[in-house]
């Protein structure tokens, strides 16, 4: 009985740090608003749609938690998952390897044998289409886009979405 209590006690307290990790806010304390996430995703989807590409867009916070998922009109079912993974890759590895676009991670994986191992981690996607959202030099989120006939096109739309909110973000904190 005593052993069961100790195990339950340890298990209960082992999950306490998860709450703070899930609600991660960057060093400056700035948190990307839902309104800006909607604006960026809408701009990205509209940019791709104007070129005839039905896409979806996902915005994640600095800890990789979904802030907004938007499935564009006529986009296929897999696009939200792929867009999430592209954005997640940017916030996960971008600050470490100093890149703002998921295409840079794809290039890293292609030229570095150890990079391929990183690409096997859950929710990591070595595909173009994700772009960092920054307040000054701090990554405050990422926008992933999926559904066009090529990651380069997805990434151009993601960049357009991020550019669409640039003036609304603090330049430095």
N, C-alpha and C. Protein backbone atom coordinates (compact mmCIF):
# COMPACT_ATOMS: atom_id res chain seq x y z
N UNK A 1 0.83 -1.19 0.00
CA UNK A 1 0.00 0.00 0.00
C UNK A 1 0.87 1.25 0.00
N UNK A 2 1.90 1.22 0.80
CA UNK A 2 2.79 2.36 0.90
C UNK A 2 3.47 2.61 -0.44
N UNK A 3 3.85 1.55 -1.14
CA UNK A 3 4.51 1.66 -2.44
C UNK A 3 3.56 2.28 -3.47
N UNK A 4 2.29 1.86 -3.43
CA UNK A 4 1.30 2.40 -4.36
C UNK A 4 1.11 3.89 -4.14
N UNK A 5 1.07 4.32 -2.87
CA UNK A 5 0.90 5.73 -2.56
C UNK A 5 2.08 6.53 -3.09
N UNK A 6 3.29 6.06 -2.88
CA UNK A 6 4.48 6.77 -3.35
C UNK A 6 4.47 6.90 -4.86
N UNK A 7 4.10 5.83 -5.54
CA UNK A 7 4.05 5.85 -7.00
C UNK A 7 3.01 6.85 -7.50
N UNK A 8 1.85 6.86 -6.86
CA UNK A 8 0.80 7.80 -7.25
C UNK A 8 1.24 9.24 -6.99
N UNK A 9 1.90 9.46 -5.87
CA UNK A 9 2.40 10.79 -5.52
C UNK A 9 3.40 11.29 -6.55
N UNK A 10 4.35 10.46 -6.89
CA UNK A 10 5.35 10.82 -7.90
C UNK A 10 4.70 11.07 -9.25
N UNK A 11 3.79 10.22 -9.64
CA UNK A 11 3.12 10.38 -10.93
C UNK A 11 2.32 11.67 -10.98
N UNK A 12 1.65 12.01 -9.90
CA UNK A 12 0.85 13.23 -9.87
C UNK A 12 1.72 14.47 -10.01
N UNK A 13 2.85 14.50 -9.34
CA UNK A 13 3.71 15.67 -9.41
C UNK A 13 4.60 15.69 -10.64
N UNK A 14 4.75 14.59 -11.29
CA UNK A 14 5.55 14.54 -12.52
C UNK A 14 4.89 15.33 -13.65
N UNK A 15 3.57 15.43 -13.63
CA UNK A 15 2.87 16.14 -14.71
C UNK A 15 2.69 17.63 -14.42
N UNK A 16 2.99 18.10 -13.24
CA UNK A 16 2.81 19.52 -12.92
C UNK A 16 3.57 20.46 -13.86
N UNK A 17 4.80 20.19 -14.21
CA UNK A 17 5.50 21.12 -15.10
C UNK A 17 4.88 21.21 -16.50
N UNK A 18 4.06 20.27 -16.89
CA UNK A 18 3.48 20.29 -18.23
C UNK A 18 2.60 21.51 -18.45
N UNK A 19 1.90 21.96 -17.44
CA UNK A 19 1.04 23.12 -17.59
C UNK A 19 1.81 24.35 -18.02
N UNK A 20 2.95 24.61 -17.40
CA UNK A 20 3.73 25.78 -17.76
C UNK A 20 4.36 25.62 -19.13
N UNK A 21 4.71 24.41 -19.52
CA UNK A 21 5.29 24.20 -20.85
C UNK A 21 4.25 24.41 -21.93
N UNK A 22 3.03 23.98 -21.67
CA UNK A 22 1.97 24.12 -22.66
C UNK A 22 1.60 25.59 -22.84
N UNK A 23 1.66 26.37 -21.78
CA UNK A 23 1.27 27.77 -21.85
C UNK A 23 2.48 28.68 -22.06
N UNK A 24 3.50 28.19 -22.70
CA UNK A 24 4.74 28.91 -22.87
C UNK A 24 4.53 30.24 -23.59
N UNK A 25 5.13 31.27 -23.02
CA UNK A 25 5.17 32.58 -23.64
C UNK A 25 6.64 32.91 -23.80
N UNK A 26 7.00 33.62 -24.85
CA UNK A 26 8.39 33.94 -25.12
C UNK A 26 9.03 34.76 -24.00
N UNK A 27 10.31 35.00 -24.15
CA UNK A 27 11.08 35.70 -23.13
C UNK A 27 10.55 37.10 -22.86
N UNK A 28 10.05 37.78 -23.87
CA UNK A 28 9.57 39.15 -23.70
C UNK A 28 8.24 39.21 -22.97
N UNK A 29 7.53 38.11 -22.93
CA UNK A 29 6.20 38.11 -22.35
C UNK A 29 5.11 38.39 -23.38
N UNK A 30 5.51 38.69 -24.61
CA UNK A 30 4.53 38.97 -25.66
C UNK A 30 3.88 37.66 -26.11
N UNK A 31 2.59 37.69 -26.27
CA UNK A 31 1.85 36.53 -26.76
C UNK A 31 1.06 36.95 -28.00
N UNK A 32 1.22 36.23 -29.08
CA UNK A 32 0.51 36.51 -30.32
C UNK A 32 -0.99 36.40 -30.07
N UNK A 33 -1.73 37.42 -30.45
CA UNK A 33 -3.17 37.41 -30.23
C UNK A 33 -3.87 36.52 -31.25
N UNK A 34 -5.06 36.09 -30.89
CA UNK A 34 -5.87 35.30 -31.81
C UNK A 34 -6.21 36.14 -33.04
N UNK A 35 -6.48 37.41 -32.85
CA UNK A 35 -6.82 38.29 -33.98
C UNK A 35 -5.69 38.34 -35.01
N UNK A 36 -4.44 38.41 -34.54
CA UNK A 36 -3.31 38.43 -35.48
C UNK A 36 -3.11 37.07 -36.13
N UNK A 37 -3.36 36.00 -35.38
CA UNK A 37 -3.27 34.66 -35.97
C UNK A 37 -4.29 34.51 -37.09
N UNK A 38 -5.51 34.97 -36.85
CA UNK A 38 -6.56 34.92 -37.87
C UNK A 38 -6.16 35.74 -39.09
N UNK A 39 -5.64 36.93 -38.85
CA UNK A 39 -5.24 37.83 -39.95
C UNK A 39 -4.14 37.19 -40.80
N UNK A 40 -3.13 36.61 -40.16
CA UNK A 40 -2.02 35.98 -40.89
C UNK A 40 -2.51 34.77 -41.69
N UNK A 41 -3.30 33.92 -41.06
CA UNK A 41 -3.80 32.72 -41.74
C UNK A 41 -4.71 33.09 -42.91
N UNK A 42 -5.57 34.07 -42.69
CA UNK A 42 -6.48 34.51 -43.75
C UNK A 42 -5.71 35.06 -44.94
N UNK A 43 -4.68 35.86 -44.67
CA UNK A 43 -3.85 36.42 -45.75
C UNK A 43 -3.14 35.29 -46.51
N UNK A 44 -2.60 34.32 -45.79
CA UNK A 44 -1.90 33.20 -46.43
C UNK A 44 -2.85 32.40 -47.33
N UNK A 45 -4.02 32.08 -46.81
CA UNK A 45 -5.00 31.31 -47.58
C UNK A 45 -5.45 32.10 -48.80
N UNK A 46 -5.70 33.40 -48.63
CA UNK A 46 -6.14 34.25 -49.75
C UNK A 46 -5.06 34.37 -50.81
N UNK A 47 -3.81 34.47 -50.39
CA UNK A 47 -2.69 34.57 -51.34
C UNK A 47 -2.62 33.31 -52.19
N UNK A 48 -2.69 32.15 -51.55
CA UNK A 48 -2.66 30.91 -52.32
C UNK A 48 -3.91 30.76 -53.19
N UNK A 49 -5.07 31.12 -52.66
CA UNK A 49 -6.32 31.01 -53.43
C UNK A 49 -6.27 31.88 -54.68
N UNK A 50 -5.63 33.05 -54.58
CA UNK A 50 -5.54 33.94 -55.75
C UNK A 50 -4.70 33.33 -56.87
N UNK A 51 -3.89 32.35 -56.51
CA UNK A 51 -3.08 31.62 -57.50
C UNK A 51 -3.70 30.28 -57.86
N UNK A 52 -4.90 30.02 -57.35
CA UNK A 52 -5.61 28.79 -57.67
C UNK A 52 -5.26 27.61 -56.78
N UNK A 53 -4.67 27.87 -55.61
CA UNK A 53 -4.25 26.79 -54.72
C UNK A 53 -5.14 26.76 -53.48
N UNK A 54 -5.95 25.72 -53.31
CA UNK A 54 -6.77 25.59 -52.10
C UNK A 54 -5.91 25.03 -50.96
N UNK A 55 -5.65 25.84 -49.97
CA UNK A 55 -4.74 25.45 -48.89
C UNK A 55 -5.40 25.60 -47.53
N UNK A 56 -4.71 25.07 -46.54
CA UNK A 56 -5.06 25.29 -45.14
C UNK A 56 -3.88 25.96 -44.47
N UNK A 57 -4.16 26.64 -43.36
CA UNK A 57 -3.11 27.33 -42.61
C UNK A 57 -3.28 27.05 -41.12
N UNK A 58 -2.15 26.89 -40.44
CA UNK A 58 -2.16 26.66 -39.00
C UNK A 58 -1.15 27.61 -38.37
N UNK A 59 -1.55 28.26 -37.28
CA UNK A 59 -0.66 29.11 -36.50
C UNK A 59 -0.43 28.41 -35.17
N UNK A 60 0.85 28.31 -34.78
CA UNK A 60 1.20 27.74 -33.48
C UNK A 60 1.89 28.79 -32.62
N UNK A 61 1.83 28.61 -31.31
CA UNK A 61 2.53 29.50 -30.40
C UNK A 61 3.98 29.02 -30.26
N UNK A 62 4.82 29.70 -29.47
CA UNK A 62 6.23 29.32 -29.38
C UNK A 62 6.49 27.90 -28.86
N UNK A 63 5.51 27.33 -28.16
CA UNK A 63 5.69 25.97 -27.67
C UNK A 63 5.11 24.93 -28.61
N UNK A 64 4.60 25.37 -29.76
CA UNK A 64 4.08 24.44 -30.75
C UNK A 64 2.62 24.07 -30.58
N UNK A 65 1.94 24.74 -29.67
CA UNK A 65 0.52 24.49 -29.45
C UNK A 65 -0.29 25.27 -30.49
N UNK A 66 -1.29 24.63 -31.06
CA UNK A 66 -2.09 25.28 -32.10
C UNK A 66 -2.86 26.46 -31.51
N UNK A 67 -2.66 27.61 -32.13
CA UNK A 67 -3.41 28.83 -31.79
C UNK A 67 -4.63 28.94 -32.71
N UNK A 68 -4.43 28.56 -33.98
CA UNK A 68 -5.51 28.66 -34.96
C UNK A 68 -5.28 27.62 -36.06
N UNK A 69 -6.34 26.95 -36.43
CA UNK A 69 -6.31 26.02 -37.57
C UNK A 69 -7.42 26.45 -38.52
N UNK A 70 -7.05 26.74 -39.76
CA UNK A 70 -8.03 27.21 -40.75
C UNK A 70 -7.93 26.35 -42.01
N UNK A 71 -8.99 25.60 -42.28
CA UNK A 71 -9.03 24.77 -43.49
C UNK A 71 -9.67 25.61 -44.59
N UNK A 72 -8.87 25.93 -45.59
CA UNK A 72 -9.36 26.75 -46.69
C UNK A 72 -10.40 26.02 -47.51
N UNK A 73 -11.24 26.80 -48.20
CA UNK A 73 -12.26 26.22 -49.07
C UNK A 73 -11.63 25.28 -50.09
N UNK A 74 -12.19 24.11 -50.20
CA UNK A 74 -11.78 23.09 -51.17
C UNK A 74 -10.40 22.49 -50.92
N UNK A 75 -9.79 22.79 -49.77
CA UNK A 75 -8.50 22.16 -49.46
C UNK A 75 -8.77 20.72 -49.02
N UNK A 76 -7.81 19.86 -49.25
CA UNK A 76 -8.00 18.45 -48.92
C UNK A 76 -7.74 18.19 -47.44
N UNK A 77 -8.18 17.04 -46.99
CA UNK A 77 -8.21 16.73 -45.57
C UNK A 77 -6.82 16.73 -44.91
N UNK A 78 -5.80 16.31 -45.63
CA UNK A 78 -4.46 16.20 -45.02
C UNK A 78 -3.80 17.55 -44.79
N UNK A 79 -4.31 18.60 -45.39
CA UNK A 79 -3.60 19.87 -45.39
C UNK A 79 -3.48 20.51 -44.01
N UNK A 80 -4.45 20.31 -43.13
CA UNK A 80 -4.33 20.91 -41.80
C UNK A 80 -3.22 20.22 -41.00
N UNK A 81 -3.11 18.91 -41.13
CA UNK A 81 -2.05 18.18 -40.43
C UNK A 81 -0.69 18.59 -40.94
N UNK A 82 -0.54 18.65 -42.24
CA UNK A 82 0.74 19.03 -42.83
C UNK A 82 1.11 20.47 -42.47
N UNK A 83 0.14 21.38 -42.51
CA UNK A 83 0.41 22.78 -42.16
C UNK A 83 0.86 22.89 -40.71
N UNK A 84 0.20 22.14 -39.81
CA UNK A 84 0.61 22.13 -38.41
C UNK A 84 2.06 21.67 -38.27
N UNK A 85 2.40 20.58 -38.92
CA UNK A 85 3.74 20.01 -38.78
C UNK A 85 4.81 20.98 -39.31
N UNK A 86 4.50 21.70 -40.36
CA UNK A 86 5.45 22.69 -40.90
C UNK A 86 5.66 23.82 -39.90
N UNK A 87 4.58 24.34 -39.33
CA UNK A 87 4.70 25.41 -38.33
C UNK A 87 5.41 24.92 -37.08
N UNK A 88 5.07 23.72 -36.63
CA UNK A 88 5.69 23.13 -35.44
C UNK A 88 7.20 22.96 -35.64
N UNK A 89 7.60 22.55 -36.83
CA UNK A 89 9.02 22.40 -37.14
C UNK A 89 9.76 23.72 -36.99
N UNK A 90 9.14 24.80 -37.45
CA UNK A 90 9.78 26.12 -37.37
C UNK A 90 9.96 26.56 -35.92
N UNK A 91 8.94 26.42 -35.07
CA UNK A 91 9.10 26.87 -33.69
C UNK A 91 9.97 25.92 -32.88
N UNK A 92 10.02 24.66 -33.28
CA UNK A 92 10.82 23.69 -32.54
C UNK A 92 12.31 23.81 -32.87
N UNK A 93 12.63 23.83 -34.15
CA UNK A 93 14.04 23.82 -34.55
C UNK A 93 14.56 25.16 -35.05
N UNK A 94 13.69 26.07 -35.44
CA UNK A 94 14.14 27.37 -35.95
C UNK A 94 15.06 28.11 -35.00
N UNK A 95 14.68 28.27 -33.73
CA UNK A 95 15.56 28.98 -32.80
C UNK A 95 16.89 28.26 -32.55
N UNK A 96 16.90 26.95 -32.64
CA UNK A 96 18.12 26.18 -32.40
C UNK A 96 19.08 26.30 -33.59
N UNK A 97 18.55 26.07 -34.78
CA UNK A 97 19.38 26.05 -35.98
C UNK A 97 19.36 27.38 -36.74
N UNK A 98 18.70 28.37 -36.18
CA UNK A 98 18.66 29.74 -36.71
C UNK A 98 18.08 29.82 -38.12
N UNK A 99 16.86 29.34 -38.26
CA UNK A 99 16.15 29.52 -39.52
C UNK A 99 14.73 30.00 -39.25
N UNK A 100 14.18 30.71 -40.22
CA UNK A 100 12.82 31.23 -40.12
C UNK A 100 11.83 30.46 -40.99
N UNK A 101 12.34 29.66 -41.91
CA UNK A 101 11.48 28.95 -42.86
C UNK A 101 11.74 27.45 -42.78
N UNK A 102 10.67 26.67 -42.88
CA UNK A 102 10.84 25.22 -42.80
C UNK A 102 11.63 24.67 -43.97
N UNK A 103 11.72 25.40 -45.06
CA UNK A 103 12.54 24.96 -46.19
C UNK A 103 14.01 24.87 -45.79
N UNK A 104 14.44 25.72 -44.85
CA UNK A 104 15.82 25.66 -44.37
C UNK A 104 16.06 24.37 -43.60
N UNK A 105 15.06 23.91 -42.85
CA UNK A 105 15.20 22.62 -42.16
C UNK A 105 15.24 21.48 -43.17
N UNK A 106 14.42 21.57 -44.21
CA UNK A 106 14.44 20.55 -45.27
C UNK A 106 15.82 20.47 -45.89
N UNK A 107 16.45 21.62 -46.12
CA UNK A 107 17.80 21.64 -46.70
C UNK A 107 18.81 21.05 -45.72
N UNK A 108 18.67 21.35 -44.44
CA UNK A 108 19.56 20.81 -43.42
C UNK A 108 19.47 19.29 -43.38
N UNK A 109 18.26 18.77 -43.41
CA UNK A 109 18.05 17.32 -43.39
C UNK A 109 18.67 16.68 -44.63
N UNK A 110 18.52 17.33 -45.77
CA UNK A 110 19.03 16.77 -47.03
C UNK A 110 20.55 16.67 -47.05
N UNK A 111 21.25 17.61 -46.40
CA UNK A 111 22.71 17.62 -46.49
C UNK A 111 23.42 17.06 -45.27
N UNK A 112 22.70 16.81 -44.19
CA UNK A 112 23.33 16.35 -42.96
C UNK A 112 22.75 15.00 -42.57
N UNK A 113 23.58 13.96 -42.49
CA UNK A 113 23.08 12.63 -42.13
C UNK A 113 22.35 12.60 -40.78
N UNK A 114 22.78 13.42 -39.84
CA UNK A 114 22.10 13.46 -38.54
C UNK A 114 20.75 14.16 -38.62
N UNK A 115 20.59 15.00 -39.60
CA UNK A 115 19.32 15.71 -39.78
C UNK A 115 18.17 14.76 -40.05
N UNK A 116 18.45 13.68 -40.75
CA UNK A 116 17.40 12.70 -41.05
C UNK A 116 16.82 12.11 -39.77
N UNK A 117 17.65 11.93 -38.76
CA UNK A 117 17.16 11.40 -37.49
C UNK A 117 16.21 12.40 -36.82
N UNK A 118 16.52 13.69 -36.92
CA UNK A 118 15.64 14.71 -36.35
C UNK A 118 14.26 14.70 -37.01
N UNK A 119 14.25 14.40 -38.29
CA UNK A 119 12.99 14.40 -39.04
C UNK A 119 12.07 13.26 -38.64
N UNK A 120 12.57 12.31 -37.85
CA UNK A 120 11.72 11.20 -37.40
C UNK A 120 10.99 11.51 -36.10
N UNK A 121 11.30 12.64 -35.49
CA UNK A 121 10.62 13.02 -34.25
C UNK A 121 9.16 13.33 -34.54
N UNK A 122 8.29 13.09 -33.57
CA UNK A 122 6.85 13.35 -33.79
C UNK A 122 6.57 14.79 -34.22
N UNK A 123 5.72 14.93 -35.22
CA UNK A 123 5.23 16.21 -35.73
C UNK A 123 6.27 17.08 -36.44
N UNK A 124 7.45 16.55 -36.68
CA UNK A 124 8.47 17.28 -37.43
C UNK A 124 8.30 16.95 -38.91
N UNK A 125 8.36 17.98 -39.75
CA UNK A 125 8.21 17.78 -41.20
C UNK A 125 9.29 18.56 -41.94
N UNK A 126 10.19 17.86 -42.60
CA UNK A 126 11.22 18.55 -43.39
C UNK A 126 10.66 18.98 -44.75
N UNK A 127 9.66 19.84 -44.72
CA UNK A 127 8.98 20.30 -45.93
C UNK A 127 8.87 21.82 -45.91
N UNK A 128 9.00 22.43 -47.05
CA UNK A 128 8.80 23.88 -47.15
C UNK A 128 7.32 24.19 -46.92
N UNK A 129 7.07 25.36 -46.33
CA UNK A 129 5.69 25.79 -46.12
C UNK A 129 5.42 26.39 -44.76
N UNK A 130 6.43 26.41 -43.89
CA UNK A 130 6.27 27.02 -42.57
C UNK A 130 7.14 28.25 -42.46
N UNK A 131 6.66 29.26 -41.73
CA UNK A 131 7.43 30.49 -41.59
C UNK A 131 7.24 31.06 -40.18
N UNK A 132 8.35 31.53 -39.59
CA UNK A 132 8.33 32.07 -38.23
C UNK A 132 7.60 33.41 -38.17
N UNK A 133 6.91 33.61 -37.07
CA UNK A 133 6.32 34.90 -36.74
C UNK A 133 7.18 35.47 -35.61
N UNK A 134 7.75 36.66 -35.85
CA UNK A 134 8.69 37.22 -34.88
C UNK A 134 8.26 38.60 -34.40
N UNK A 135 8.49 38.83 -33.13
CA UNK A 135 8.38 40.16 -32.54
C UNK A 135 9.82 40.57 -32.26
N UNK A 136 10.36 41.44 -33.09
CA UNK A 136 11.79 41.72 -33.02
C UNK A 136 12.54 40.49 -33.47
N UNK A 137 13.44 40.01 -32.62
CA UNK A 137 14.20 38.79 -32.95
C UNK A 137 13.61 37.55 -32.29
N UNK A 138 12.55 37.72 -31.54
CA UNK A 138 11.96 36.61 -30.79
C UNK A 138 10.87 35.90 -31.59
N UNK A 139 10.97 34.58 -31.67
CA UNK A 139 9.93 33.78 -32.33
C UNK A 139 8.73 33.72 -31.38
N UNK A 140 7.60 34.26 -31.84
CA UNK A 140 6.38 34.28 -31.03
C UNK A 140 5.31 33.35 -31.60
N UNK A 141 5.68 32.63 -32.65
CA UNK A 141 4.77 31.69 -33.28
C UNK A 141 5.28 31.31 -34.64
N UNK A 142 4.49 30.54 -35.36
CA UNK A 142 4.82 30.18 -36.74
C UNK A 142 3.53 29.92 -37.48
N UNK A 143 3.59 30.13 -38.78
CA UNK A 143 2.46 29.90 -39.67
C UNK A 143 2.86 28.82 -40.66
N UNK A 144 2.08 27.76 -40.72
CA UNK A 144 2.31 26.69 -41.68
C UNK A 144 1.18 26.67 -42.70
N UNK A 145 1.53 26.43 -43.95
CA UNK A 145 0.56 26.37 -45.04
C UNK A 145 0.78 25.08 -45.81
N UNK A 146 -0.31 24.45 -46.25
CA UNK A 146 -0.21 23.22 -47.02
C UNK A 146 -1.38 23.12 -48.00
N UNK A 147 -1.09 22.57 -49.18
CA UNK A 147 -2.14 22.31 -50.15
C UNK A 147 -1.82 22.73 -51.56
N UNK A 148 -0.80 23.55 -51.74
CA UNK A 148 -0.43 23.95 -53.10
C UNK A 148 0.40 22.84 -53.74
N UNK A 149 0.60 22.91 -55.05
CA UNK A 149 1.42 21.87 -55.70
C UNK A 149 2.91 22.16 -55.54
N UNK A 150 3.36 22.18 -54.31
CA UNK A 150 4.78 22.40 -54.03
C UNK A 150 4.97 23.22 -52.78
N UNK A 151 5.90 22.79 -51.94
CA UNK A 151 6.16 23.49 -50.69
C UNK A 151 6.64 24.91 -50.88
N UNK A 152 7.33 25.17 -51.99
CA UNK A 152 7.80 26.54 -52.23
C UNK A 152 6.62 27.50 -52.36
N UNK A 153 5.55 27.03 -52.95
CA UNK A 153 4.34 27.86 -53.09
C UNK A 153 3.65 28.02 -51.74
N UNK A 154 3.60 26.95 -50.95
CA UNK A 154 3.06 27.03 -49.60
C UNK A 154 3.85 28.06 -48.78
N UNK A 155 5.16 27.99 -48.89
CA UNK A 155 6.01 28.88 -48.10
C UNK A 155 5.85 30.33 -48.52
N UNK A 156 5.69 30.59 -49.81
CA UNK A 156 5.46 31.96 -50.28
C UNK A 156 4.16 32.50 -49.68
N UNK A 157 3.14 31.67 -49.58
CA UNK A 157 1.87 32.10 -48.99
C UNK A 157 2.03 32.32 -47.49
N UNK A 158 2.79 31.46 -46.82
CA UNK A 158 3.05 31.64 -45.39
C UNK A 158 3.80 32.95 -45.15
N UNK A 159 4.80 33.22 -45.98
CA UNK A 159 5.55 34.48 -45.87
C UNK A 159 4.62 35.67 -46.06
N UNK A 160 3.71 35.58 -47.02
CA UNK A 160 2.75 36.66 -47.26
C UNK A 160 1.86 36.87 -46.04
N UNK A 161 1.44 35.77 -45.42
CA UNK A 161 0.62 35.87 -44.21
C UNK A 161 1.35 36.55 -43.08
N UNK A 162 2.60 36.17 -42.87
CA UNK A 162 3.41 36.78 -41.81
C UNK A 162 3.68 38.25 -42.14
N UNK A 163 3.98 38.54 -43.39
CA UNK A 163 4.21 39.93 -43.80
C UNK A 163 2.97 40.79 -43.56
N UNK A 164 1.80 40.17 -43.68
CA UNK A 164 0.55 40.88 -43.48
C UNK A 164 0.29 41.34 -42.06
N UNK A 165 1.03 40.78 -41.09
CA UNK A 165 0.86 41.21 -39.70
C UNK A 165 2.12 41.86 -39.13
N UNK A 166 3.15 41.98 -39.94
CA UNK A 166 4.44 42.49 -39.46
C UNK A 166 4.30 43.84 -38.75
N UNK A 167 3.53 44.75 -39.33
CA UNK A 167 3.38 46.08 -38.74
C UNK A 167 2.57 46.07 -37.45
N UNK A 168 1.87 44.98 -37.18
CA UNK A 168 1.07 44.86 -35.96
C UNK A 168 1.86 44.24 -34.81
N UNK A 169 3.05 43.72 -35.10
CA UNK A 169 3.87 43.07 -34.08
C UNK A 169 4.83 44.06 -33.46
N UNK A 170 5.15 43.89 -32.17
CA UNK A 170 6.17 44.76 -31.58
C UNK A 170 7.51 44.48 -32.24
N UNK A 171 8.28 45.53 -32.51
CA UNK A 171 9.57 45.33 -33.19
C UNK A 171 10.63 44.82 -32.24
N UNK A 172 10.56 45.19 -31.00
CA UNK A 172 11.48 44.65 -30.00
C UNK A 172 10.89 44.90 -28.63
N UNK A 173 11.25 44.04 -27.73
CA UNK A 173 10.72 44.16 -26.36
C UNK A 173 11.86 44.05 -25.40
